[in-house]
Amino acid sequence: MRYKRVWEILGPGLLYAGAAVGVSHLVQSTRSGAEYGFELLGILVLANILKYPFFEFGPRYAIATGESLIDGYRRIGKWAVILFVILTVSTMFTIQAAVTVVTAGLIGNVFHLSLSPVQISGVILFITMLVLMIGRYSVLDKLIKWVIVILATSTVVAVVFAIGNGFHPEAQYINHFSWLNRTDIFFLIAFVGWMPAPIDVTVWQSLWTNAKNRQIGYTPKLKDALLDFKIGYFGTAILAICFLALGAFVLYGSGETLSSNGVTFAGQLISMYTSSIGQWAYFFIAAAAITTMFSTTLTCLDAYPRVMKKVTDIIIPQIKKESDIDWETWFWIFIVSSGALVVLIFFSSSMRFMVDLATTLSFITAPLLAILNYLAVTGKHFPNDMKPKLWFRVYAITGIVFLMGFTVFYLVWNL
């Protein structure tokens, strides 16, 4: 009976997976394996372990209070909401642009389009806007389950075949990660920044959890909601390892480097699968990759307007209106899309630069968001029976110290 109930509430955790399994996995994890083999595997696992509490706080807060984490920030103080807005606005256009241009690269490569990445991105954003305006959460909820299943299956199959082909890097092309190399450090920061996802996603998940509860008509038990979250979280961690392994088995020590051009990179990504599984799988893999990146674009464009609408209502309550048409959300969808297009116009020539910029910004803001999340679920307003246990709070504080220390290291190194 419980499993039937879990299947019913399954959704927010998979939406998290849909947002996470995108640039961080298809691009950054693959680059990690292609450039350094398995040397950053430990960093990948450590990042997933130490960031876990801050992502878990999203569904925990939503189930315990019926509110979003943004409401939790408001209870900490209006300053916390304003800080969150500053952090969000400083990253959202770049993040939306980054996931969109990777999607555009895949579509441009598979369909051999002659349009520029900016033009393809504009079409993608327009279609995404229409999907969200027509369907909103229900479309996301129904789509994401199939997307994740298709991608996970194809990736695991590709890794199994790649392992069967063996690990044979050529000695003259072997590259090692160095803590003294500026380029390696910059990549590491960008890699960790979105591993497994930007911490912003925990706020999104609290909003998706509330939307799911309204859809099913009741608030599930905390352990059931956390099971949904854990399926998404640990599933994406395993997929990140798979993508790193694909990059290592297929490209590491081969003399081939991943391109910074979105269309070329997309071709390299798909060829990694086909070289492992066989050319017969091309269309299956192409469909999985495109669907995955489109779902990431879709979830980001759904989440940012939800977030901005919520914080606008808190900071400027006078403009909040009850209406059959959610004009405020539509307004923010338009703003986020337009802002992403502006970023693309200036930086679309280098997909790698855009991705590294977006992930680095997320890395720098992560400690502050982690602290806000911790304060939200340990404050006086939060139900005592739902608060994290002592060992889990120590676990979270350890993660905060790690994020802060790593950020300070990066800033000192950069300056």
Protein backbone atom coordinates (compact mmCIF):
# COMPACT_ATOMS: atom_id res chain seq x y z
CA MET A 1 0.00 0.00 0.00
CA ARG A 2 2.84 2.35 0.83
CA TYR A 3 4.45 1.83 -2.59
CA LYS A 4 1.21 2.79 -4.31
CA ARG A 5 1.16 5.96 -2.20
CA VAL A 6 4.79 6.72 -3.02
CA TRP A 7 4.10 6.30 -6.76
CA GLU A 8 1.24 8.78 -6.40
CA ILE A 9 3.43 11.44 -4.77
CA LEU A 10 6.41 10.71 -6.99
CA GLY A 11 7.26 13.86 -8.92
CA PRO A 12 9.18 16.63 -7.12
CA GLY A 13 12.20 14.36 -6.69
CA LEU A 14 12.17 13.53 -10.39
CA LEU A 15 11.78 17.19 -11.27
CA TYR A 16 14.91 17.75 -9.21
CA ALA A 17 16.56 15.04 -11.30
CA GLY A 18 15.32 16.70 -14.48
CA ALA A 19 16.90 19.99 -13.40
CA ALA A 20 20.12 18.34 -12.20
CA VAL A 21 20.77 15.91 -15.05
CA GLY A 22 21.64 18.49 -17.65
CA VAL A 23 24.68 20.68 -17.91
CA SER A 24 26.28 19.31 -14.73
CA HIS A 25 26.08 15.75 -16.04
CA LEU A 26 26.07 15.83 -19.85
CA VAL A 27 28.70 18.58 -20.04
CA GLN A 28 30.73 18.89 -16.82
CA SER A 29 30.86 15.25 -15.73
CA THR A 30 31.68 14.16 -19.26
CA ARG A 31 34.44 16.80 -19.50
CA SER A 32 35.85 15.63 -16.17
CA GLY A 33 36.21 12.06 -17.41
CA ALA A 34 37.46 13.11 -20.85
CA GLU A 35 40.17 15.44 -19.49
CA TYR A 36 41.25 13.74 -16.24
CA GLY A 37 40.03 10.16 -16.44
CA PHE A 38 38.80 8.98 -13.04
CA GLU A 39 40.92 11.42 -11.00
CA LEU A 40 37.97 13.65 -10.03
CA LEU A 41 35.63 10.77 -9.19
CA GLY A 42 36.31 11.24 -5.46
CA ILE A 43 35.51 14.96 -5.72
CA LEU A 44 32.24 14.11 -7.48
CA VAL A 45 31.19 11.69 -4.75
CA LEU A 46 32.29 14.07 -1.98
CA ALA A 47 30.29 16.96 -3.48
CA ASN A 48 27.14 14.81 -3.60
CA ILE A 49 27.63 13.68 0.00
CA LEU A 50 28.38 17.09 1.50
CA LYS A 51 25.61 18.93 -0.34
CA TYR A 52 22.93 16.36 0.46
CA PRO A 53 21.49 18.04 3.60
CA PHE A 54 20.82 21.36 1.86
CA PHE A 55 18.83 19.70 -0.91
CA GLU A 56 16.94 17.53 1.59
CA PHE A 57 15.86 20.65 3.50
CA GLY A 58 13.64 21.70 0.54
CA PRO A 59 11.06 18.87 0.71
CA ARG A 60 11.45 18.68 4.51
CA TYR A 61 10.43 22.33 4.88
CA ALA A 62 7.55 22.03 2.40
CA ILE A 63 6.05 18.94 4.06
CA ALA A 64 6.46 20.27 7.62
CA THR A 65 4.99 23.73 7.00
CA GLY A 66 3.00 23.61 3.76
CA GLU A 67 5.15 26.55 2.64
CA SER A 68 8.19 27.00 0.44
CA LEU A 69 11.74 27.65 1.60
CA ILE A 70 11.26 31.26 0.51
CA ASP A 71 8.68 31.58 3.30
CA GLY A 72 11.31 30.10 5.58
CA TYR A 73 13.73 32.84 4.53
CA ARG A 74 11.02 35.41 5.24
CA ARG A 75 10.67 34.06 8.79
CA ILE A 76 14.42 34.42 9.26
CA GLY A 77 14.09 38.08 8.27
CA LYS A 78 13.34 40.20 5.24
CA TRP A 79 17.09 40.59 4.76
CA ALA A 80 17.29 36.86 4.02
CA VAL A 81 14.70 37.18 1.25
CA ILE A 82 16.51 40.18 -0.23
CA LEU A 83 19.83 38.28 -0.09
CA PHE A 84 18.19 35.33 -1.82
CA VAL A 85 16.80 37.62 -4.53
CA ILE A 86 20.25 39.13 -5.13
CA LEU A 87 21.82 35.67 -5.40
CA THR A 88 19.04 34.45 -7.71
CA VAL A 89 19.07 37.45 -10.05
CA SER A 90 22.87 37.31 -10.26
CA THR A 91 22.74 33.75 -11.61
CA MET A 92 19.35 33.02 -13.20
CA PHE A 93 19.88 34.59 -16.64
CA THR A 94 23.28 32.93 -17.07
CA ILE A 95 22.02 29.55 -15.85
CA GLN A 96 18.96 29.68 -18.12
CA ALA A 97 21.17 30.71 -21.04
CA ALA A 98 23.67 27.90 -20.33
CA VAL A 99 21.11 25.09 -20.26
CA THR A 100 19.33 26.50 -23.31
CA VAL A 101 22.47 26.79 -25.46
CA VAL A 102 23.43 23.17 -24.68
CA THR A 103 19.93 22.12 -25.75
CA ALA A 104 20.30 24.23 -28.89
CA GLY A 105 23.63 22.56 -29.67
CA LEU A 106 22.08 19.10 -29.48
CA ILE A 107 19.10 20.04 -31.64
CA GLY A 108 21.30 21.85 -34.16
CA ASN A 109 23.60 18.83 -34.47
CA VAL A 110 20.95 16.12 -34.68
CA PHE A 111 18.73 17.95 -37.18
CA HIS A 112 21.62 19.57 -39.09
CA LEU A 113 20.14 23.03 -38.73
CA SER A 114 21.82 26.00 -40.37
CA LEU A 115 20.43 28.42 -37.79
CA SER A 116 22.77 30.05 -35.26
CA PRO A 117 22.78 28.88 -31.60
CA VAL A 118 21.02 32.11 -30.61
CA GLN A 119 18.24 31.56 -33.16
CA ILE A 120 17.73 27.94 -32.11
CA SER A 121 17.77 29.01 -28.45
CA GLY A 122 15.12 31.63 -29.18
CA VAL A 123 12.84 29.00 -30.72
CA ILE A 124 13.44 26.64 -27.78
CA LEU A 125 12.61 29.33 -25.23
CA PHE A 126 9.46 30.29 -27.14
CA ILE A 127 8.24 26.67 -27.25
CA THR A 128 9.11 26.23 -23.57
CA MET A 129 7.13 29.35 -22.67
CA LEU A 130 4.08 27.99 -24.50
CA VAL A 131 4.33 24.60 -22.76
CA LEU A 132 4.51 26.24 -19.33
CA MET A 133 1.72 28.73 -19.98
CA ILE A 134 -0.59 25.98 -21.19
CA GLY A 135 0.21 23.16 -18.78
CA ARG A 136 2.33 24.42 -15.87
CA TYR A 137 3.10 21.76 -13.23
CA SER A 138 0.96 18.95 -14.67
CA VAL A 139 2.97 18.95 -17.91
CA LEU A 140 6.26 18.79 -16.01
CA ASP A 141 5.00 16.05 -13.70
CA LYS A 142 3.87 13.79 -16.55
CA LEU A 143 6.84 14.44 -18.83
CA ILE A 144 9.71 14.08 -16.40
CA LYS A 145 9.13 10.44 -15.41
CA TRP A 146 9.58 9.24 -19.00
CA VAL A 147 12.54 11.54 -19.62
CA ILE A 148 14.49 10.25 -16.64
CA VAL A 149 13.77 6.59 -17.43
CA ILE A 150 14.92 6.98 -21.07
CA LEU A 151 18.11 8.80 -20.18
CA ALA A 152 19.04 6.57 -17.24
CA THR A 153 18.53 3.38 -19.24
CA SER A 154 20.54 4.55 -22.26
CA THR A 155 23.38 5.90 -20.10
CA VAL A 156 23.76 2.76 -18.01
CA VAL A 157 23.71 0.60 -21.15
CA ALA A 158 26.37 2.81 -22.76
CA VAL A 159 28.62 2.58 -19.69
CA VAL A 160 28.31 -1.22 -19.55
CA PHE A 161 29.37 -1.47 -23.21
CA ALA A 162 32.20 1.03 -22.63
CA ILE A 163 33.52 -1.04 -19.72
CA GLY A 164 33.42 -4.09 -21.97
CA ASN A 165 35.59 -2.24 -24.52
CA GLY A 166 38.20 -1.58 -21.79
CA PHE A 167 40.13 1.44 -20.54
CA HIS A 168 43.04 2.10 -22.92
CA PRO A 169 44.33 5.70 -22.70
CA GLU A 170 47.35 6.40 -24.90
CA ALA A 171 50.38 7.46 -22.86
CA GLN A 172 51.18 10.56 -24.94
CA TYR A 173 47.67 11.96 -24.40
CA ILE A 174 47.29 11.27 -20.69
CA ASN A 175 46.57 14.41 -18.65
CA HIS A 176 46.70 14.62 -14.84
CA PHE A 177 44.85 17.05 -12.59
CA SER A 178 47.13 19.45 -10.69
CA TRP A 179 46.24 21.59 -7.69
CA LEU A 180 48.91 24.02 -8.87
CA ASN A 181 47.48 24.44 -12.37
CA ARG A 182 45.20 27.48 -12.75
CA THR A 183 43.17 25.93 -15.58
CA ASP A 184 42.58 22.74 -13.58
CA ILE A 185 41.43 24.71 -10.52
CA PHE A 186 39.00 26.79 -12.59
CA PHE A 187 37.51 23.64 -14.06
CA LEU A 188 37.26 22.03 -10.61
CA ILE A 189 35.30 25.01 -9.29
CA ALA A 190 32.96 24.94 -12.26
CA PHE A 191 32.59 21.16 -11.87
CA VAL A 192 31.71 21.31 -8.16
CA GLY A 193 29.47 24.35 -8.65
CA TRP A 194 26.75 22.28 -10.30
CA MET A 195 27.47 18.92 -8.77
CA PRO A 196 24.87 17.56 -8.39
CA ALA A 197 22.98 20.82 -9.11
CA PRO A 198 22.91 24.48 -8.03
CA ILE A 199 21.66 24.73 -4.44
CA ASP A 200 18.93 27.04 -5.78
CA VAL A 201 17.19 23.84 -6.87
CA THR A 202 16.28 23.03 -3.26
CA VAL A 203 14.06 26.13 -3.23
CA TRP A 204 12.51 25.01 -6.51
CA GLN A 205 11.79 21.60 -5.07
CA SER A 206 9.96 23.07 -2.09
CA LEU A 207 7.72 24.93 -4.57
CA TRP A 208 7.23 21.78 -6.68
CA THR A 209 6.39 19.79 -3.54
CA ASN A 210 3.68 22.28 -2.64
CA ALA A 211 2.34 22.15 -6.20
CA LYS A 212 2.30 18.34 -6.11
CA ASN A 213 0.46 18.32 -2.76
CA ARG A 214 -2.19 20.63 -4.20
CA GLN A 215 -2.49 18.31 -7.21
CA ILE A 216 -3.01 15.11 -5.15
CA GLY A 217 -5.13 16.89 -2.53
CA TYR A 218 -3.20 16.02 0.64
CA THR A 219 0.19 16.37 2.36
CA PRO A 220 2.10 13.06 2.41
CA LYS A 221 4.16 11.83 5.33
CA LEU A 222 7.68 13.18 5.60
CA LYS A 223 9.29 9.76 5.08
CA ASP A 224 7.34 9.25 1.84
CA ALA A 225 8.24 12.71 0.52
CA LEU A 226 11.89 12.13 1.41
CA LEU A 227 11.82 8.77 -0.39
CA ASP A 228 10.72 10.60 -3.55
CA PHE A 229 13.58 13.06 -3.02
CA LYS A 230 16.17 10.34 -2.36
CA ILE A 231 15.22 8.49 -5.55
CA GLY A 232 15.91 11.66 -7.51
CA TYR A 233 19.03 12.68 -5.58
CA PHE A 234 20.91 9.40 -5.47
CA GLY A 235 19.75 8.53 -8.97
CA THR A 236 21.38 11.68 -10.32
CA ALA A 237 24.55 10.98 -8.33
CA ILE A 238 24.83 7.55 -9.98
CA LEU A 239 24.21 9.09 -13.41
CA ALA A 240 26.94 11.67 -12.76
CA ILE A 241 29.38 8.82 -12.14
CA CYS A 242 28.16 7.15 -15.35
CA PHE A 243 28.79 10.28 -17.43
CA LEU A 244 32.26 10.70 -15.92
CA ALA A 245 32.95 7.04 -16.73
CA LEU A 246 31.77 7.50 -20.32
CA GLY A 247 34.10 10.46 -20.77
CA ALA A 248 36.97 8.47 -19.28
CA PHE A 249 36.44 5.22 -21.18
CA VAL A 250 35.71 6.78 -24.57
CA LEU A 251 37.70 10.03 -24.73
CA TYR A 252 40.42 10.10 -22.04
CA GLY A 253 43.86 9.59 -23.53
CA SER A 254 42.47 9.48 -27.07
CA GLY A 255 43.90 12.81 -28.22
CA GLU A 256 40.40 14.18 -28.80
CA THR A 257 39.22 17.15 -26.72
CA LEU A 258 35.65 18.21 -26.14
CA SER A 259 34.74 21.26 -28.19
CA SER A 260 33.55 24.56 -26.71
CA ASN A 261 31.17 24.89 -29.67
CA GLY A 262 27.71 23.66 -28.71
CA VAL A 263 26.88 21.88 -31.98
CA THR A 264 30.28 20.18 -32.22
CA PHE A 265 30.14 19.15 -28.55
CA ALA A 266 26.70 17.64 -29.10
CA GLY A 267 28.08 15.47 -31.89
CA GLN A 268 30.95 14.34 -29.66
CA LEU A 269 28.55 13.54 -26.82
CA ILE A 270 26.29 11.39 -28.97
CA SER A 271 29.26 9.65 -30.61
CA MET A 272 30.44 8.56 -27.14
CA TYR A 273 27.27 6.53 -26.82
CA THR A 274 27.29 5.15 -30.35
CA SER A 275 30.98 4.18 -30.14
CA SER A 276 30.11 2.14 -27.03
CA ILE A 277 26.73 0.71 -27.97
CA GLY A 278 26.79 0.84 -31.77
CA GLN A 279 25.65 3.18 -34.53
CA TRP A 280 22.23 1.54 -34.50
CA ALA A 281 21.50 3.36 -31.23
CA TYR A 282 22.09 6.85 -32.69
CA PHE A 283 18.48 8.01 -32.88
CA PHE A 284 17.61 6.47 -29.52
CA ILE A 285 20.55 8.26 -27.85
CA ALA A 286 19.91 11.53 -29.68
CA ALA A 287 16.29 11.52 -28.56
CA ALA A 288 17.31 10.80 -24.94
CA ALA A 289 19.93 13.59 -24.91
CA ILE A 290 17.64 16.18 -26.49
CA THR A 291 14.74 15.24 -24.23
CA THR A 292 16.97 15.45 -21.17
CA MET A 293 18.31 18.90 -21.98
CA PHE A 294 14.87 20.16 -22.99
CA SER A 295 13.50 18.96 -19.64
CA THR A 296 16.30 20.87 -17.89
CA THR A 297 15.47 24.01 -19.88
CA LEU A 298 11.80 23.49 -19.07
CA THR A 299 12.30 22.95 -15.33
CA CYS A 300 14.57 26.00 -15.04
CA LEU A 301 12.11 28.22 -16.90
CA ASP A 302 9.32 26.91 -14.68
CA ALA A 303 11.27 27.37 -11.46
CA TYR A 304 12.70 30.87 -11.82
CA PRO A 305 9.33 32.58 -12.47
CA ARG A 306 7.82 30.64 -9.54
CA VAL A 307 10.64 31.89 -7.34
CA MET A 308 10.50 35.49 -8.56
CA LYS A 309 6.71 35.63 -8.24
CA LYS A 310 6.96 34.38 -4.66
CA VAL A 311 9.66 36.83 -3.60
CA THR A 312 7.89 39.70 -5.36
CA ASP A 313 4.73 38.94 -3.36
CA ILE A 314 6.78 38.97 -0.15
CA ILE A 315 8.85 42.09 -0.83
CA ILE A 316 6.08 44.09 -2.55
CA PRO A 317 2.80 42.61 -1.19
CA GLN A 318 0.79 45.53 -2.63
CA ILE A 319 1.02 44.11 -6.18
CA LYS A 320 -0.33 40.68 -5.28
CA LYS A 321 -3.67 40.13 -7.00
CA GLU A 322 -6.12 37.27 -7.19
CA SER A 323 -6.98 36.50 -10.81
CA ASP A 324 -7.90 33.55 -13.03
CA ILE A 325 -4.88 34.45 -15.17
CA ASP A 326 -1.49 34.37 -13.46
CA TRP A 327 -0.13 37.49 -15.13
CA GLU A 328 2.70 37.83 -12.64
CA THR A 329 4.17 34.41 -13.47
CA TRP A 330 3.79 35.07 -17.19
CA PHE A 331 5.65 38.34 -16.72
CA TRP A 332 8.58 36.60 -15.04
CA ILE A 333 8.66 33.85 -17.67
CA PHE A 334 9.05 36.59 -20.28
CA ILE A 335 11.74 38.39 -18.24
CA VAL A 336 13.81 35.23 -17.63
CA SER A 337 13.56 34.20 -21.29
CA SER A 338 14.49 37.66 -22.54
CA GLY A 339 17.40 37.96 -20.12
CA ALA A 340 18.73 34.55 -21.17
CA LEU A 341 18.56 35.57 -24.84
CA VAL A 342 20.52 38.76 -24.12
CA VAL A 343 23.24 36.70 -22.42
CA LEU A 344 23.27 34.31 -25.39
CA ILE A 345 23.67 37.14 -27.89
CA PHE A 346 26.90 38.22 -26.20
CA PHE A 347 28.39 34.86 -25.19
CA SER A 348 26.89 32.16 -27.44
CA SER A 349 30.13 31.79 -29.44
CA SER A 350 31.61 29.71 -26.60
CA MET A 351 29.32 27.21 -24.90
CA ARG A 352 32.15 26.19 -22.58
CA PHE A 353 32.64 29.76 -21.34
CA MET A 354 28.92 30.17 -20.65
CA VAL A 355 28.71 26.87 -18.80
CA ASP A 356 31.80 27.61 -16.71
CA LEU A 357 30.51 31.11 -15.90
CA ALA A 358 27.11 29.80 -14.77
CA THR A 359 28.56 26.97 -12.70
CA THR A 360 31.22 29.17 -11.09
CA LEU A 361 28.60 31.74 -10.05
CA SER A 362 26.57 28.93 -8.50
CA PHE A 363 29.65 27.69 -6.66
CA ILE A 364 30.36 31.12 -5.14
CA THR A 365 26.76 31.60 -3.96
CA ALA A 366 26.36 28.03 -2.60
CA PRO A 367 27.62 28.66 0.99
CA LEU A 368 25.15 31.51 1.53
CA LEU A 369 22.20 29.50 0.26
CA ALA A 370 23.30 26.52 2.37
CA ILE A 371 23.31 28.70 5.50
CA LEU A 372 19.84 30.10 4.70
CA ASN A 373 18.47 26.58 4.24
CA TYR A 374 19.98 25.45 7.54
CA LEU A 375 18.52 28.41 9.43
CA ALA A 376 15.09 27.78 7.87
CA VAL A 377 14.79 24.20 9.19
CA THR A 378 16.37 24.81 12.60
CA GLY A 379 14.64 28.08 13.55
CA LYS A 380 12.01 28.60 16.26
CA HIS A 381 9.15 28.74 13.74
CA PHE A 382 9.93 25.24 12.38
CA PRO A 383 8.03 22.31 14.04
CA ASN A 384 10.30 20.59 16.57
CA ASP A 385 9.23 17.07 15.57
CA MET A 386 10.24 17.79 11.97
CA LYS A 387 13.62 19.34 12.73
CA PRO A 388 16.75 17.45 11.63
CA LYS A 389 18.31 15.29 14.32
CA LEU A 390 21.53 16.40 16.01
CA TRP A 391 23.77 14.16 13.87
CA PHE A 392 22.15 15.52 10.72
CA ARG A 393 22.67 19.13 11.85
CA VAL A 394 26.36 18.35 12.49
CA TYR A 395 26.46 16.77 9.02
CA ALA A 396 24.98 19.95 7.53
CA ILE A 397 27.40 22.24 9.38
CA THR A 398 30.28 20.12 8.09
CA GLY A 399 28.98 20.69 4.57
CA ILE A 400 28.74 24.46 5.16
CA VAL A 401 32.34 24.56 6.42
CA PHE A 402 33.46 22.61 3.35
CA LEU A 403 31.63 24.95 0.95
CA MET A 404 32.91 28.08 2.67
CA GLY A 405 36.47 26.79 2.83
CA PHE A 406 36.45 25.78 -0.82
CA THR A 407 35.01 29.16 -1.83
CA VAL A 408 37.64 31.07 0.16
CA PHE A 409 40.34 28.89 -1.43
CA TYR A 410 39.01 29.74 -4.89
CA LEU A 411 38.75 33.48 -4.22
CA VAL A 412 42.26 33.64 -2.74
CA TRP A 413 43.67 31.60 -5.61
CA ASN A 414 41.88 33.79 -8.17
CA LEU A 415 43.02 37.07 -6.58
